[in-house]
């Protein structure tokens, strides 16, 4: 009986330690804290080029399809929403207006997900009636997908 109770206690402990943030989420939060420190150090000296360099470095760290998608997204955003400033956000490429993130890319690999995500925060103001999407699964960058993203990004930047 004691052995069973010990085993049960161990499995209960294992389950309770799984509650909360995943390893990937904790890592993203640490990256965000580092990003905030970097922004604070740069202060008023910060330029759009600093943010772009940070984003390009994060994209370069990605592998496979995530990298291809992030590179294509970066090109679309810089072409169709030049007023948005590239920056990293929780270790992922993001694009901001007035310091507030408008849209972001979340790689599939980083969070062990089935697909990458293109997300829009409330700053994007993509409101469409009483119900509209704010995140999109992204698996392939086709011309149709590029057109749809370009339209959403342009509206969000507007």
Protein backbone atom coordinates (compact mmCIF):
# COMPACT_ATOMS: atom_id res chain seq x y z
CA UNK A 1 0.00 0.00 0.00
CA UNK A 2 2.73 2.45 0.89
CA UNK A 3 4.38 1.96 -2.49
CA UNK A 4 1.11 2.70 -4.25
CA UNK A 5 0.53 5.81 -2.16
CA UNK A 6 4.05 7.02 -2.93
CA UNK A 7 3.52 6.41 -6.63
CA UNK A 8 0.20 8.21 -6.50
CA UNK A 9 1.78 11.11 -4.65
CA UNK A 10 4.54 11.32 -7.24
CA UNK A 11 2.13 11.29 -10.16
CA UNK A 12 -0.01 13.91 -8.42
CA UNK A 13 3.07 16.07 -7.96
CA UNK A 14 4.02 15.58 -11.60
CA UNK A 15 0.55 16.62 -12.69
CA UNK A 16 0.48 19.67 -10.45
CA UNK A 17 3.88 20.80 -11.72
CA UNK A 18 2.47 20.60 -15.26
CA UNK A 19 -0.21 23.12 -14.30
CA UNK A 20 0.68 26.68 -15.21
CA UNK A 21 3.02 27.86 -17.92
CA UNK A 22 4.73 25.49 -20.32
CA UNK A 23 8.48 25.54 -20.83
CA UNK A 24 7.91 27.36 -24.12
CA UNK A 25 5.70 29.98 -22.48
CA UNK A 26 8.25 30.59 -19.71
CA UNK A 27 10.96 30.96 -22.34
CA UNK A 28 8.84 33.50 -24.26
CA UNK A 29 8.28 35.50 -21.07
CA UNK A 30 12.02 35.57 -20.40
CA UNK A 31 12.61 36.77 -23.95
CA UNK A 32 10.02 39.50 -23.48
CA UNK A 33 11.74 40.66 -20.28
CA UNK A 34 15.04 40.84 -22.19
CA UNK A 35 13.33 42.79 -24.99
CA UNK A 36 12.00 45.32 -22.49
CA UNK A 37 15.48 45.76 -21.01
CA UNK A 38 16.95 46.28 -24.49
CA UNK A 39 14.25 48.87 -25.30
CA UNK A 40 14.97 50.65 -22.03
CA UNK A 41 18.73 50.71 -22.72
CA UNK A 42 18.19 52.08 -26.22
CA UNK A 43 15.79 54.69 -24.93
CA UNK A 44 15.39 57.67 -27.22
CA UNK A 45 18.31 56.47 -29.35
CA UNK A 46 16.18 53.56 -30.63
CA UNK A 47 15.52 53.55 -34.35
CA UNK A 48 13.28 51.61 -36.69
CA UNK A 49 16.48 49.96 -37.98
CA UNK A 50 17.17 48.57 -34.48
CA UNK A 51 13.79 46.87 -34.42
CA UNK A 52 14.19 45.57 -37.95
CA UNK A 53 17.61 44.10 -37.10
CA UNK A 54 16.08 42.38 -34.05
CA UNK A 55 13.23 40.94 -36.14
CA UNK A 56 15.56 39.74 -38.90
CA UNK A 57 17.80 38.08 -36.32
CA UNK A 58 14.81 36.21 -34.84
CA UNK A 59 13.67 35.15 -38.30
CA UNK A 60 17.19 33.89 -39.06
CA UNK A 61 17.00 31.66 -35.95
CA UNK A 62 13.86 29.94 -37.26
CA UNK A 63 14.02 26.77 -39.23
CA UNK A 64 12.20 25.33 -42.19
CA UNK A 65 8.74 26.53 -43.10
CA UNK A 66 8.54 28.96 -40.16
CA UNK A 67 11.48 30.89 -41.54
CA UNK A 68 10.02 30.98 -45.06
CA UNK A 69 6.66 32.21 -43.72
CA UNK A 70 8.23 34.82 -41.42
CA UNK A 71 10.45 36.18 -44.19
CA UNK A 72 7.46 36.49 -46.53
CA UNK A 73 5.35 38.12 -43.82
CA UNK A 74 8.12 40.61 -43.03
CA UNK A 75 8.30 41.57 -46.70
CA UNK A 76 4.52 42.02 -46.92
CA UNK A 77 4.33 44.14 -43.77
CA UNK A 78 7.22 46.40 -44.74
CA UNK A 79 5.74 46.92 -48.21
CA UNK A 80 2.07 47.36 -47.31
CA UNK A 81 2.37 48.95 -43.86
CA UNK A 82 5.57 51.01 -43.84
CA UNK A 83 4.24 53.02 -40.89
CA UNK A 84 4.50 49.99 -38.62
CA UNK A 85 7.75 49.53 -36.73
CA UNK A 86 9.32 46.05 -36.60
CA UNK A 87 10.14 44.77 -33.12
CA UNK A 88 10.35 41.49 -31.30
CA UNK A 89 7.56 40.53 -28.93
CA UNK A 90 7.92 37.49 -26.72
CA UNK A 91 10.77 36.41 -28.98
CA UNK A 92 8.72 36.58 -32.17
CA UNK A 93 8.57 39.10 -35.03
CA UNK A 94 5.97 41.81 -34.45
CA UNK A 95 5.01 45.16 -35.92
CA UNK A 96 3.95 48.12 -33.80
CA UNK A 97 2.45 51.58 -34.00
CA UNK A 98 3.34 54.02 -31.25
CA UNK A 99 5.05 51.23 -29.31
CA UNK A 100 1.91 49.03 -29.27
CA UNK A 101 1.95 45.75 -31.18
CA UNK A 102 -0.50 45.69 -34.07
CA UNK A 103 0.35 42.29 -35.55
CA UNK A 104 2.73 39.44 -34.85
CA UNK A 105 4.02 36.13 -36.17
CA UNK A 106 4.18 33.08 -33.95
CA UNK A 107 6.23 30.19 -35.29
CA UNK A 108 4.86 26.68 -35.11
CA UNK A 109 8.19 25.32 -33.93
CA UNK A 110 8.54 27.66 -30.94
CA UNK A 111 5.35 26.44 -29.30
CA UNK A 112 5.34 22.95 -30.84
CA UNK A 113 2.15 23.77 -32.69
CA UNK A 114 0.73 22.29 -35.85
CA UNK A 115 0.84 25.62 -37.69
CA UNK A 116 2.32 29.10 -37.48
CA UNK A 117 0.03 31.96 -36.48
CA UNK A 118 -0.45 35.47 -37.79
CA UNK A 119 -2.14 37.44 -35.03
CA UNK A 120 -3.58 40.92 -34.66
CA UNK A 121 -4.00 42.78 -31.39
CA UNK A 122 -6.82 45.21 -30.67
CA UNK A 123 -4.59 48.06 -31.94
CA UNK A 124 -5.21 46.66 -35.42
CA UNK A 125 -8.89 47.65 -35.22
CA UNK A 126 -9.97 44.99 -37.70
CA UNK A 127 -13.50 45.23 -36.30
CA UNK A 128 -16.14 43.76 -38.57
CA UNK A 129 -19.55 43.81 -36.89
CA UNK A 130 -19.93 41.81 -33.71
CA UNK A 131 -17.55 38.96 -34.55
CA UNK A 132 -14.22 38.80 -36.45
CA UNK A 133 -11.00 36.79 -36.42
CA UNK A 134 -7.85 38.14 -34.78
CA UNK A 135 -5.54 35.19 -35.45
CA UNK A 136 -4.97 33.09 -38.54
CA UNK A 137 -3.33 29.70 -38.99
CA UNK A 138 -0.56 29.99 -41.55
CA UNK A 139 0.85 26.90 -43.27
CA UNK A 140 1.85 28.10 -46.72
CA UNK A 141 2.46 31.44 -48.39
CA UNK A 142 0.54 31.35 -51.67
CA UNK A 143 -0.29 34.39 -53.78
CA UNK A 144 -3.86 34.30 -52.45
CA UNK A 145 -2.59 34.21 -48.84
CA UNK A 146 -0.17 37.07 -49.58
CA UNK A 147 -3.02 39.19 -50.96
CA UNK A 148 -5.20 38.50 -47.93
CA UNK A 149 -2.37 39.32 -45.50
CA UNK A 150 -1.47 42.49 -47.40
CA UNK A 151 -5.09 43.68 -47.17
CA UNK A 152 -5.35 42.89 -43.45
CA UNK A 153 -2.00 44.52 -42.65
CA UNK A 154 -2.83 47.64 -44.67
CA UNK A 155 -6.19 47.94 -42.86
CA UNK A 156 -4.52 47.35 -39.48
CA UNK A 157 -1.87 49.99 -40.19
CA UNK A 158 -4.43 52.49 -41.45
